[in-house]
Amino acid sequence: MTYKVAMADIQKLRKSTGAGMMDCKKALQEAEGNFEKAKDIIREKGQAIANKRADREAKEGIIVTETNNQYGYILALNCETDFVAKTDKFIQLAKTIMNAAIQTEASSVDEVRNAKVNDITVSEMINEQIGVIGEKIDIPFYQKVEAPYINAYIHNGNKLAALVMFNKKPENEQLAHDIAMQVAAMNPIAVDKDDIPQDIIEKEKEIAKEQARNENRPENLLEKIAMGKLNKFYQEVTLLNQQFIREHKMTVKDYIKQNDPDLQVVKFVRYSLSD
């Protein structure tokens, strides 16, 4: 005899798990009304779907950021389709995971996955939602940073974001927001030229020298030519030496010096779903 399930119980399970009405009804029937067992059944269904979709590509999704006193957080949550990424349910899932990361002071993706939301881990909650949504869901990136002041920027569509750390709170917070937007838009690899790893510098010098050789330039001029191209490289890939996107006649360094001379960029984090 099939267990008769009350509509109130179905609605309660649906609110708790986000699963569809029929899935909730079937789970409660299988669990013979045991609410916790029914939740486990839905979770197991999600794990089964997750196992089947493990090899699928999940390149869509959203990025969320939070700043809290002297801490900043950036987290990416992936799914398979842009349609799912734009749903309120998926956006709320990302925010719930971020809140769990902050509350548990997680400092890595693994720690986020093991963080608790009510009585289950984030990994279990994700598996539960895989069963509901029917797509692979994953956390490809998470980072927690600390500085005297942090500004966050998320580009339209929530697929590109940046956190910029400063040595102090700026006199005008719009300045800090402009710098965060610069990081997101121009994708620098370092704050200044001294922050670029030496192996990258040497590689760029060798590329420049080889190009000059191919152009039959004199061997005794190769070092000078390489240094000139290296300076152009610094202007393109270091934040402070880039042209400021709101005013191309000045560099980012000039913009900061003009508006808040004591302000310094300590570090930045940038993540894009297309990277």
C-alpha atoms as a PDB file:
ATOM      1  CA  MET A   1       0.000   0.000   0.000  1.00  0.00           C
ATOM      2  CA  THR A   2       1.378   3.407  -1.019  1.00  0.00           C
ATOM      3  CA  TYR A   3       2.021   5.760   1.887  1.00  0.00           C
ATOM      4  CA  LYS A   4      -0.375   8.719   1.797  1.00  0.00           C
ATOM      5  CA  VAL A   5       1.518  12.003   1.956  1.00  0.00           C
ATOM      6  CA  ALA A   6      -0.017  15.217   3.319  1.00  0.00           C
ATOM      7  CA  MET A   7       0.282  18.294   1.088  1.00  0.00           C
ATOM      8  CA  ALA A   8       1.688  20.256   4.016  1.00  0.00           C
ATOM      9  CA  ASP A   9       4.578  17.797   4.306  1.00  0.00           C
ATOM     10  CA  ILE A  10       5.282  18.014   0.572  1.00  0.00           C
ATOM     11  CA  GLN A  11       5.388  21.808   0.769  1.00  0.00           C
ATOM     12  CA  LYS A  12       7.622  21.681   3.854  1.00  0.00           C
ATOM     13  CA  LEU A  13      10.100  19.354   2.103  1.00  0.00           C
ATOM     14  CA  ARG A  14      10.033  21.469  -1.035  1.00  0.00           C
ATOM     15  CA  LYS A  15      10.797  24.610   0.962  1.00  0.00           C
ATOM     16  CA  SER A  16      13.666  22.837   2.715  1.00  0.00           C
ATOM     17  CA  THR A  17      15.290  21.293  -0.372  1.00  0.00           C
ATOM     18  CA  GLY A  18      14.065  23.275  -3.377  1.00  0.00           C
ATOM     19  CA  ALA A  19      13.068  20.000  -5.059  1.00  0.00           C
ATOM     20  CA  GLY A  20       9.975  19.734  -7.255  1.00  0.00           C
ATOM     21  CA  MET A  21       6.570  18.789  -5.844  1.00  0.00           C
ATOM     22  CA  MET A  22       6.555  15.311  -7.401  1.00  0.00           C
ATOM     23  CA  ASP A  23      10.115  14.582  -6.270  1.00  0.00           C
ATOM     24  CA  CYS A  24       9.159  15.592  -2.732  1.00  0.00           C
ATOM     25  CA  LYS A  25       6.029  13.463  -2.825  1.00  0.00           C
ATOM     26  CA  LYS A  26       7.935  10.396  -4.063  1.00  0.00           C
ATOM     27  CA  ALA A  27      10.674  10.877  -1.474  1.00  0.00           C
ATOM     28  CA  LEU A  28       8.141  11.135   1.365  1.00  0.00           C
ATOM     29  CA  GLN A  29       6.310   8.066   0.087  1.00  0.00           C
ATOM     30  CA  GLU A  30       9.554   6.095  -0.051  1.00  0.00           C
ATOM     31  CA  ALA A  31      10.473   7.335   3.421  1.00  0.00           C
ATOM     32  CA  GLU A  32       6.966   6.602   4.698  1.00  0.00           C
ATOM     33  CA  GLY A  33       6.592  10.127   6.015  1.00  0.00           C
ATOM     34  CA  ASN A  34      10.015  10.343   7.703  1.00  0.00           C
ATOM     35  CA  PHE A  35      11.060  13.914   6.870  1.00  0.00           C
ATOM     36  CA  GLU A  36      14.826  13.500   7.466  1.00  0.00           C
ATOM     37  CA  LYS A  37      14.926  10.254   5.489  1.00  0.00           C
ATOM     38  CA  ALA A  38      13.070  11.959   2.640  1.00  0.00           C
ATOM     39  CA  LYS A  39      15.729  14.703   2.595  1.00  0.00           C
ATOM     40  CA  ASP A  40      18.429  12.031   2.389  1.00  0.00           C
ATOM     41  CA  ILE A  41      16.605  10.394  -0.551  1.00  0.00           C
ATOM     42  CA  ILE A  42      16.568  13.706  -2.442  1.00  0.00           C
ATOM     43  CA  ARG A  43      20.246  14.241  -1.586  1.00  0.00           C
ATOM     44  CA  GLU A  44      21.107  10.732  -2.839  1.00  0.00           C
ATOM     45  CA  LYS A  45      19.259  11.434  -6.077  1.00  0.00           C
ATOM     46  CA  GLY A  46      21.391  14.568  -6.469  1.00  0.00           C
ATOM     47  CA  GLN A  47      24.580  12.559  -5.874  1.00  0.00           C
ATOM     48  CA  ALA A  48      23.522  10.016  -8.501  1.00  0.00           C
ATOM     49  CA  ILE A  49      22.932  12.792 -11.028  1.00  0.00           C
ATOM     50  CA  ALA A  50      26.226  14.423 -10.004  1.00  0.00           C
ATOM     51  CA  ASN A  51      28.062  11.153 -10.674  1.00  0.00           C
ATOM     52  CA  LYS A  52      26.468  10.867 -14.111  1.00  0.00           C
ATOM     53  CA  ARG A  53      27.344  14.461 -15.000  1.00  0.00           C
ATOM     54  CA  ALA A  54      30.857  14.476 -13.512  1.00  0.00           C
ATOM     55  CA  ASP A  55      32.468  14.584 -16.971  1.00  0.00           C
ATOM     56  CA  ARG A  56      30.242  17.383 -18.241  1.00  0.00           C
ATOM     57  CA  GLU A  57      31.672  20.868 -18.691  1.00  0.00           C
ATOM     58  CA  ALA A  58      30.343  23.504 -16.290  1.00  0.00           C
ATOM     59  CA  LYS A  59      31.646  26.799 -17.663  1.00  0.00           C
ATOM     60  CA  GLU A  60      28.651  29.033 -17.033  1.00  0.00           C
ATOM     61  CA  GLY A  61      27.727  30.409 -13.618  1.00  0.00           C
ATOM     62  CA  ILE A  62      28.182  33.512 -11.515  1.00  0.00           C
ATOM     63  CA  ILE A  63      30.748  35.188  -9.278  1.00  0.00           C
ATOM     64  CA  VAL A  64      29.827  36.748  -5.933  1.00  0.00           C
ATOM     65  CA  THR A  65      31.899  39.016  -3.701  1.00  0.00           C
ATOM     66  CA  GLU A  66      31.631  40.324  -0.170  1.00  0.00           C
ATOM     67  CA  THR A  67      33.637  42.833   1.855  1.00  0.00           C
ATOM     68  CA  ASN A  68      33.393  42.806   5.628  1.00  0.00           C
ATOM     69  CA  ASN A  69      35.537  45.214   7.655  1.00  0.00           C
ATOM     70  CA  GLN A  70      39.110  44.305   6.651  1.00  0.00           C
ATOM     71  CA  TYR A  71      38.231  41.060   4.864  1.00  0.00           C
ATOM     72  CA  GLY A  72      37.191  40.431   1.291  1.00  0.00           C
ATOM     73  CA  TYR A  73      35.769  37.308  -0.321  1.00  0.00           C
ATOM     74  CA  ILE A  74      35.318  36.221  -3.929  1.00  0.00           C
ATOM     75  CA  LEU A  75      33.603  32.972  -4.954  1.00  0.00           C
ATOM     76  CA  ALA A  76      32.644  31.448  -8.305  1.00  0.00           C
ATOM     77  CA  LEU A  77      29.849  28.912  -8.703  1.00  0.00           C
ATOM     78  CA  ASN A  78      29.653  27.076 -12.019  1.00  0.00           C
ATOM     79  CA  CYS A  79      26.814  25.325 -13.829  1.00  0.00           C
ATOM     80  CA  GLU A  80      26.319  24.049 -17.372  1.00  0.00           C
ATOM     81  CA  THR A  81      24.004  26.647 -18.933  1.00  0.00           C
ATOM     82  CA  ASP A  82      23.588  30.407 -18.811  1.00  0.00           C
ATOM     83  CA  PHE A  83      19.847  29.858 -18.373  1.00  0.00           C
ATOM     84  CA  VAL A  84      20.389  28.182 -14.988  1.00  0.00           C
ATOM     85  CA  ALA A  85      23.051  30.735 -13.990  1.00  0.00           C
ATOM     86  CA  LYS A  86      20.491  33.544 -14.287  1.00  0.00           C
ATOM     87  CA  THR A  87      17.796  31.894 -12.163  1.00  0.00           C
ATOM     88  CA  ASP A  88      17.005  33.261  -8.704  1.00  0.00           C
ATOM     89  CA  LYS A  89      17.486  29.783  -7.241  1.00  0.00           C
ATOM     90  CA  PHE A  90      21.067  29.496  -8.530  1.00  0.00           C
ATOM     91  CA  ILE A  91      21.962  33.060  -7.496  1.00  0.00           C
ATOM     92  CA  GLN A  92      20.596  32.411  -4.012  1.00  0.00           C
ATOM     93  CA  LEU A  93      22.598  29.172  -3.834  1.00  0.00           C
ATOM     94  CA  ALA A  94      25.803  31.116  -4.551  1.00  0.00           C
ATOM     95  CA  LYS A  95      24.947  33.673  -1.865  1.00  0.00           C
ATOM     96  CA  THR A  96      24.151  30.933   0.661  1.00  0.00           C
ATOM     97  CA  ILE A  97      27.501  29.262  -0.032  1.00  0.00           C
ATOM     98  CA  MET A  98      29.297  32.599   0.329  1.00  0.00           C
ATOM     99  CA  ASN A  99      27.592  33.244   3.677  1.00  0.00           C
ATOM    100  CA  ALA A 100      28.648  29.788   4.881  1.00  0.00           C
ATOM    101  CA  ALA A 101      32.246  30.507   3.810  1.00  0.00           C
ATOM    102  CA  ILE A 102      32.282  33.784   5.721  1.00  0.00           C
ATOM    103  CA  GLN A 103      30.666  32.377   8.864  1.00  0.00           C
ATOM    104  CA  THR A 104      33.118  29.468   9.033  1.00  0.00           C
ATOM    105  CA  GLU A 105      36.102  31.672   8.078  1.00  0.00           C
ATOM    106  CA  ALA A 106      36.930  29.351   5.179  1.00  0.00           C
ATOM    107  CA  SER A 107      40.228  30.061   3.455  1.00  0.00           C
ATOM    108  CA  SER A 108      40.138  27.526   0.576  1.00  0.00           C
ATOM    109  CA  VAL A 109      37.696  25.837  -1.797  1.00  0.00           C
ATOM    110  CA  ASP A 110      37.900  22.596   0.207  1.00  0.00           C
ATOM    111  CA  GLU A 111      37.049  24.433   3.420  1.00  0.00           C
ATOM    112  CA  VAL A 112      34.068  26.039   1.675  1.00  0.00           C
ATOM    113  CA  ARG A 113      32.836  22.630   0.496  1.00  0.00           C
ATOM    114  CA  ASN A 114      33.060  21.324   4.062  1.00  0.00           C
ATOM    115  CA  ALA A 115      31.354  24.357   5.618  1.00  0.00           C
ATOM    116  CA  LYS A 116      27.995  23.634   7.241  1.00  0.00           C
ATOM    117  CA  VAL A 117      24.663  25.098   6.174  1.00  0.00           C
ATOM    118  CA  ASN A 118      22.157  24.133   8.843  1.00  0.00           C
ATOM    119  CA  ASP A 119      22.908  20.418   9.337  1.00  0.00           C
ATOM    120  CA  ILE A 120      24.565  19.591   6.023  1.00  0.00           C
ATOM    121  CA  THR A 121      27.832  20.516   4.296  1.00  0.00           C
ATOM    122  CA  VAL A 122      28.009  22.808   1.274  1.00  0.00           C
ATOM    123  CA  SER A 123      28.994  19.761  -0.830  1.00  0.00           C
ATOM    124  CA  GLU A 124      25.855  17.928   0.289  1.00  0.00           C
ATOM    125  CA  MET A 125      23.745  21.003  -0.389  1.00  0.00           C
ATOM    126  CA  ILE A 126      25.243  21.288  -3.896  1.00  0.00           C
ATOM    127  CA  ASN A 127      24.477  17.622  -4.581  1.00  0.00           C
ATOM    128  CA  GLU A 128      20.939  18.216  -3.371  1.00  0.00           C
ATOM    129  CA  GLN A 129      20.594  21.106  -5.835  1.00  0.00           C
ATOM    130  CA  ILE A 130      22.121  19.090  -8.684  1.00  0.00           C
ATOM    131  CA  GLY A 131      19.193  16.725  -8.211  1.00  0.00           C
ATOM    132  CA  VAL A 132      16.775  19.649  -8.307  1.00  0.00           C
ATOM    133  CA  ILE A 133      18.351  21.607 -11.175  1.00  0.00           C
ATOM    134  CA  GLY A 134      19.662  18.655 -13.189  1.00  0.00           C
ATOM    135  CA  GLU A 135      23.017  20.240 -14.073  1.00  0.00           C
ATOM    136  CA  LYS A 136      26.564  19.849 -12.844  1.00  0.00           C
ATOM    137  CA  ILE A 137      27.383  22.478 -10.189  1.00  0.00           C
ATOM    138  CA  ASP A 138      30.877  23.184  -8.914  1.00  0.00           C
ATOM    139  CA  ILE A 139      32.987  25.724  -7.014  1.00  0.00           C
ATOM    140  CA  PRO A 140      36.033  26.383  -9.229  1.00  0.00           C
ATOM    141  CA  PHE A 141      37.383  29.377  -7.317  1.00  0.00           C
ATOM    142  CA  TYR A 142      37.292  30.984  -3.884  1.00  0.00           C
ATOM    143  CA  GLN A 143      39.642  33.366  -2.139  1.00  0.00           C
ATOM    144  CA  LYS A 144      39.653  35.252   1.154  1.00  0.00           C
ATOM    145  CA  VAL A 145      41.860  38.340   1.475  1.00  0.00           C
ATOM    146  CA  GLU A 146      42.759  40.782   4.232  1.00  0.00           C
ATOM    147  CA  ALA A 147      43.846  44.433   4.109  1.00  0.00           C
ATOM    148  CA  PRO A 148      43.132  47.773   5.852  1.00  0.00           C
ATOM    149  CA  TYR A 149      40.600  48.544   3.096  1.00  0.00           C
ATOM    150  CA  ILE A 150      39.145  46.415   0.284  1.00  0.00           C
ATOM    151  CA  ASN A 151      36.967  47.407  -2.651  1.00  0.00           C
ATOM    152  CA  ALA A 152      35.032  44.972  -4.835  1.00  0.00           C
ATOM    153  CA  TYR A 153      33.830  45.295  -8.407  1.00  0.00           C
ATOM    154  CA  ILE A 154      31.540  42.900 -10.281  1.00  0.00           C
ATOM    155  CA  HIS A 155      31.008  43.415 -13.991  1.00  0.00           C
ATOM    156  CA  ASN A 156      27.484  43.249 -15.412  1.00  0.00           C
ATOM    157  CA  GLY A 157      26.353  39.633 -15.663  1.00  0.00           C
ATOM    158  CA  ASN A 158      28.314  38.511 -12.588  1.00  0.00           C
ATOM    159  CA  LYS A 159      30.886  36.652 -14.701  1.00  0.00           C
ATOM    160  CA  LEU A 160      33.897  38.859 -13.938  1.00  0.00           C
ATOM    161  CA  ALA A 161      34.948  40.324 -10.599  1.00  0.00           C
ATOM    162  CA  ALA A 162      37.870  41.883  -8.776  1.00  0.00           C
ATOM    163  CA  LEU A 163      38.924  42.652  -5.208  1.00  0.00           C
ATOM    164  CA  VAL A 164      41.543  45.347  -4.661  1.00  0.00           C
ATOM    165  CA  MET A 165      43.387  45.736  -1.363  1.00  0.00           C
ATOM    166  CA  PHE A 166      44.609  49.147  -0.197  1.00  0.00           C
ATOM    167  CA  ASN A 167      46.878  50.343   2.628  1.00  0.00           C
ATOM    168  CA  LYS A 168      44.108  52.583   4.007  1.00  0.00           C
ATOM    169  CA  LYS A 169      40.561  53.749   3.415  1.00  0.00           C
ATOM    170  CA  PRO A 170      40.630  56.254   0.533  1.00  0.00           C
ATOM    171  CA  GLU A 171      39.452  59.819   0.957  1.00  0.00           C
ATOM    172  CA  ASN A 172      36.978  59.144  -1.848  1.00  0.00           C
ATOM    173  CA  GLU A 173      35.686  55.580  -2.175  1.00  0.00           C
ATOM    174  CA  GLN A 174      34.891  56.167  -5.853  1.00  0.00           C
ATOM    175  CA  LEU A 175      38.645  56.226  -6.465  1.00  0.00           C
ATOM    176  CA  ALA A 176      38.995  52.714  -5.016  1.00  0.00           C
ATOM    177  CA  HIS A 177      36.014  51.525  -7.061  1.00  0.00           C
ATOM    178  CA  ASP A 178      37.588  52.949 -10.217  1.00  0.00           C
ATOM    179  CA  ILE A 179      40.790  51.011  -9.507  1.00  0.00           C
ATOM    180  CA  ALA A 180      38.810  47.791  -8.955  1.00  0.00           C
ATOM    181  CA  MET A 181      37.033  48.375 -12.276  1.00  0.00           C
ATOM    182  CA  GLN A 182      40.428  48.919 -13.930  1.00  0.00           C
ATOM    183  CA  VAL A 183      41.631  45.537 -12.632  1.00  0.00           C
ATOM    184  CA  ALA A 184      38.504  43.807 -13.917  1.00  0.00           C
ATOM    185  CA  ALA A 185      38.593  45.482 -17.339  1.00  0.00           C
ATOM    186  CA  MET A 186      42.338  45.499 -18.106  1.00  0.00           C
ATOM    187  CA  ASN A 187      43.447  42.251 -16.434  1.00  0.00           C
ATOM    188  CA  PRO A 188      46.894  43.296 -15.116  1.00  0.00           C
ATOM    189  CA  ILE A 189      49.208  40.544 -13.889  1.00  0.00           C
ATOM    190  CA  ALA A 190      50.873  42.589 -11.123  1.00  0.00           C
ATOM    191  CA  VAL A 191      50.531  45.847  -9.171  1.00  0.00           C
ATOM    192  CA  ASP A 192      53.896  47.242 -10.353  1.00  0.00           C
ATOM    193  CA  LYS A 193      56.868  46.011 -12.376  1.00  0.00           C
ATOM    194  CA  ASP A 194      58.759  44.906  -9.240  1.00  0.00           C
ATOM    195  CA  ASP A 195      55.925  42.460  -8.517  1.00  0.00           C
ATOM    196  CA  ILE A 196      56.341  40.534 -11.778  1.00  0.00           C
ATOM    197  CA  PRO A 197      58.166  37.199 -11.299  1.00  0.00           C
ATOM    198  CA  GLN A 198      61.707  37.300 -12.684  1.00  0.00           C
ATOM    199  CA  ASP A 199      61.145  34.286 -14.919  1.00  0.00           C
ATOM    200  CA  ILE A 200      58.351  36.128 -16.758  1.00  0.00           C
ATOM    201  CA  ILE A 201      60.606  39.171 -17.235  1.00  0.00           C
ATOM    202  CA  GLU A 202      63.435  37.037 -18.618  1.00  0.00           C
ATOM    203  CA  LYS A 203      61.025  35.258 -20.963  1.00  0.00           C
ATOM    204  CA  GLU A 204      59.716  38.575 -22.318  1.00  0.00           C
ATOM    205  CA  LYS A 205      63.290  39.818 -22.841  1.00  0.00           C
ATOM    206  CA  GLU A 206      64.191  36.683 -24.795  1.00  0.00           C
ATOM    207  CA  ILE A 207      61.074  37.003 -26.954  1.00  0.00           C
ATOM    208  CA  ALA A 208      61.972  40.637 -27.697  1.00  0.00           C
ATOM    209  CA  LYS A 209      65.564  39.747 -28.572  1.00  0.00           C
ATOM    210  CA  GLU A 210      64.475  36.920 -30.844  1.00  0.00           C
ATOM    211  CA  GLN A 211      62.049  39.212 -32.658  1.00  0.00           C
ATOM    212  CA  ALA A 212      64.848  41.752 -33.143  1.00  0.00           C
ATOM    213  CA  ARG A 213      67.188  39.055 -34.479  1.00  0.00           C
ATOM    214  CA  ASN A 214      64.513  37.967 -36.962  1.00  0.00           C
ATOM    215  CA  GLU A 215      64.380  41.597 -38.116  1.00  0.00           C
ATOM    216  CA  ASN A 216      68.188  41.514 -38.654  1.00  0.00           C
ATOM    217  CA  ARG A 217      68.863  44.096 -35.964  1.00  0.00           C
ATOM    218  CA  PRO A 218      72.531  44.444 -34.796  1.00  0.00           C
ATOM    219  CA  GLU A 219      73.463  42.024 -32.005  1.00  0.00           C
ATOM    220  CA  ASN A 220      74.966  44.817 -29.883  1.00  0.00           C
ATOM    221  CA  LEU A 221      71.608  46.609 -29.839  1.00  0.00           C
ATOM    222  CA  LEU A 222      69.471  43.627 -28.806  1.00  0.00           C
ATOM    223  CA  GLU A 223      69.637  44.342 -25.067  1.00  0.00           C
ATOM    224  CA  LYS A 224      68.585  47.972 -25.552  1.00  0.00           C
ATOM    225  CA  ILE A 225      65.764  46.937 -27.883  1.00  0.00           C
ATOM    226  CA  ALA A 226      64.608  44.282 -25.426  1.00  0.00           C
ATOM    227  CA  MET A 227      64.546  46.800 -22.549  1.00  0.00           C
ATOM    228  CA  GLY A 228      62.448  49.164 -24.624  1.00  0.00           C
ATOM    229  CA  LYS A 229      59.909  46.438 -25.372  1.00  0.00           C
ATOM    230  CA  LEU A 230      60.007  45.388 -21.732  1.00  0.00           C
ATOM    231  CA  ASN A 231      59.001  48.908 -20.657  1.00  0.00           C
ATOM    232  CA  LYS A 232      56.049  48.709 -23.048  1.00  0.00           C
ATOM    233  CA  PHE A 233      55.198  45.309 -21.539  1.00  0.00           C
ATOM    234  CA  TYR A 234      55.148  46.892 -18.051  1.00  0.00           C
ATOM    235  CA  GLN A 235      52.759  49.572 -19.291  1.00  0.00           C
ATOM    236  CA  GLU A 236      50.388  46.914 -20.589  1.00  0.00           C
ATOM    237  CA  VAL A 237      50.381  44.396 -17.733  1.00  0.00           C
ATOM    238  CA  THR A 238      51.128  46.252 -14.482  1.00  0.00           C
ATOM    239  CA  LEU A 239      48.200  48.024 -12.842  1.00  0.00           C
ATOM    240  CA  LEU A 240      49.964  51.231 -11.791  1.00  0.00           C
ATOM    241  CA  ASN A 241      51.582  51.735 -15.209  1.00  0.00           C
ATOM    242  CA  GLN A 242      48.486  51.052 -17.313  1.00  0.00           C
ATOM    243  CA  GLN A 243      46.581  53.879 -18.944  1.00  0.00           C
ATOM    244  CA  PHE A 244      43.665  54.769 -16.681  1.00  0.00           C
ATOM    245  CA  ILE A 245      40.492  53.606 -18.435  1.00  0.00           C
ATOM    246  CA  ARG A 246      38.542  56.752 -17.503  1.00  0.00           C
ATOM    247  CA  GLU A 247      41.301  59.130 -18.622  1.00  0.00           C
ATOM    248  CA  HIS A 248      43.828  57.763 -21.113  1.00  0.00           C
ATOM    249  CA  LYS A 249      46.139  60.754 -20.755  1.00  0.00           C
ATOM    250  CA  MET A 250      47.226  59.556 -17.318  1.00  0.00           C
ATOM    251  CA  THR A 251      48.341  56.278 -15.758  1.00  0.00           C
ATOM    252  CA  VAL A 252      46.636  54.622 -12.804  1.00  0.00           C
ATOM    253  CA  LYS A 253      49.595  55.712 -10.681  1.00  0.00           C
ATOM    254  CA  ASP A 254      49.029  59.335 -11.760  1.00  0.00           C
ATOM    255  CA  TYR A 255      45.316  59.075 -10.988  1.00  0.00           C
ATOM    256  CA  ILE A 256      45.970  57.851  -7.455  1.00  0.00           C
ATOM    257  CA  LYS A 257      48.705  60.431  -6.817  1.00  0.00           C
ATOM    258  CA  GLN A 258      46.474  63.237  -8.042  1.00  0.00           C
ATOM    259  CA  ASN A 259      43.528  62.284  -5.836  1.00  0.00           C
ATOM    260  CA  ASP A 260      44.963  60.564  -2.735  1.00  0.00           C
ATOM    261  CA  PRO A 261      48.805  60.627  -2.619  1.00  0.00           C
ATOM    262  CA  ASP A 262      49.071  58.413   0.479  1.00  0.00           C
ATOM    263  CA  LEU A 263      46.886  55.664  -0.961  1.00  0.00           C
ATOM    264  CA  GLN A 264      48.677  52.513  -2.111  1.00  0.00           C
ATOM    265  CA  VAL A 265      47.433  49.393  -3.879  1.00  0.00           C
ATOM    266  CA  VAL A 266      48.686  46.429  -1.855  1.00  0.00           C
ATOM    267  CA  LYS A 267      47.374  43.568  -3.959  1.00  0.00           C
ATOM    268  CA  PHE A 268      44.435  42.507  -6.116  1.00  0.00           C
ATOM    269  CA  VAL A 269      42.486  39.386  -7.035  1.00  0.00           C
ATOM    270  CA  ARG A 270      40.665  39.018 -10.335  1.00  0.00           C
ATOM    271  CA  TYR A 271      38.574  36.106 -11.588  1.00  0.00           C
ATOM    272  CA  SER A 272      36.612  35.591 -14.775  1.00  0.00           C
ATOM    273  CA  LEU A 273      34.487  32.614 -15.755  1.00  0.00           C
ATOM    274  CA  SER A 274      36.054  32.819 -19.209  1.00  0.00           C
ATOM    275  CA  ASP A 275      39.634  32.527 -17.894  1.00  0.00           C
END
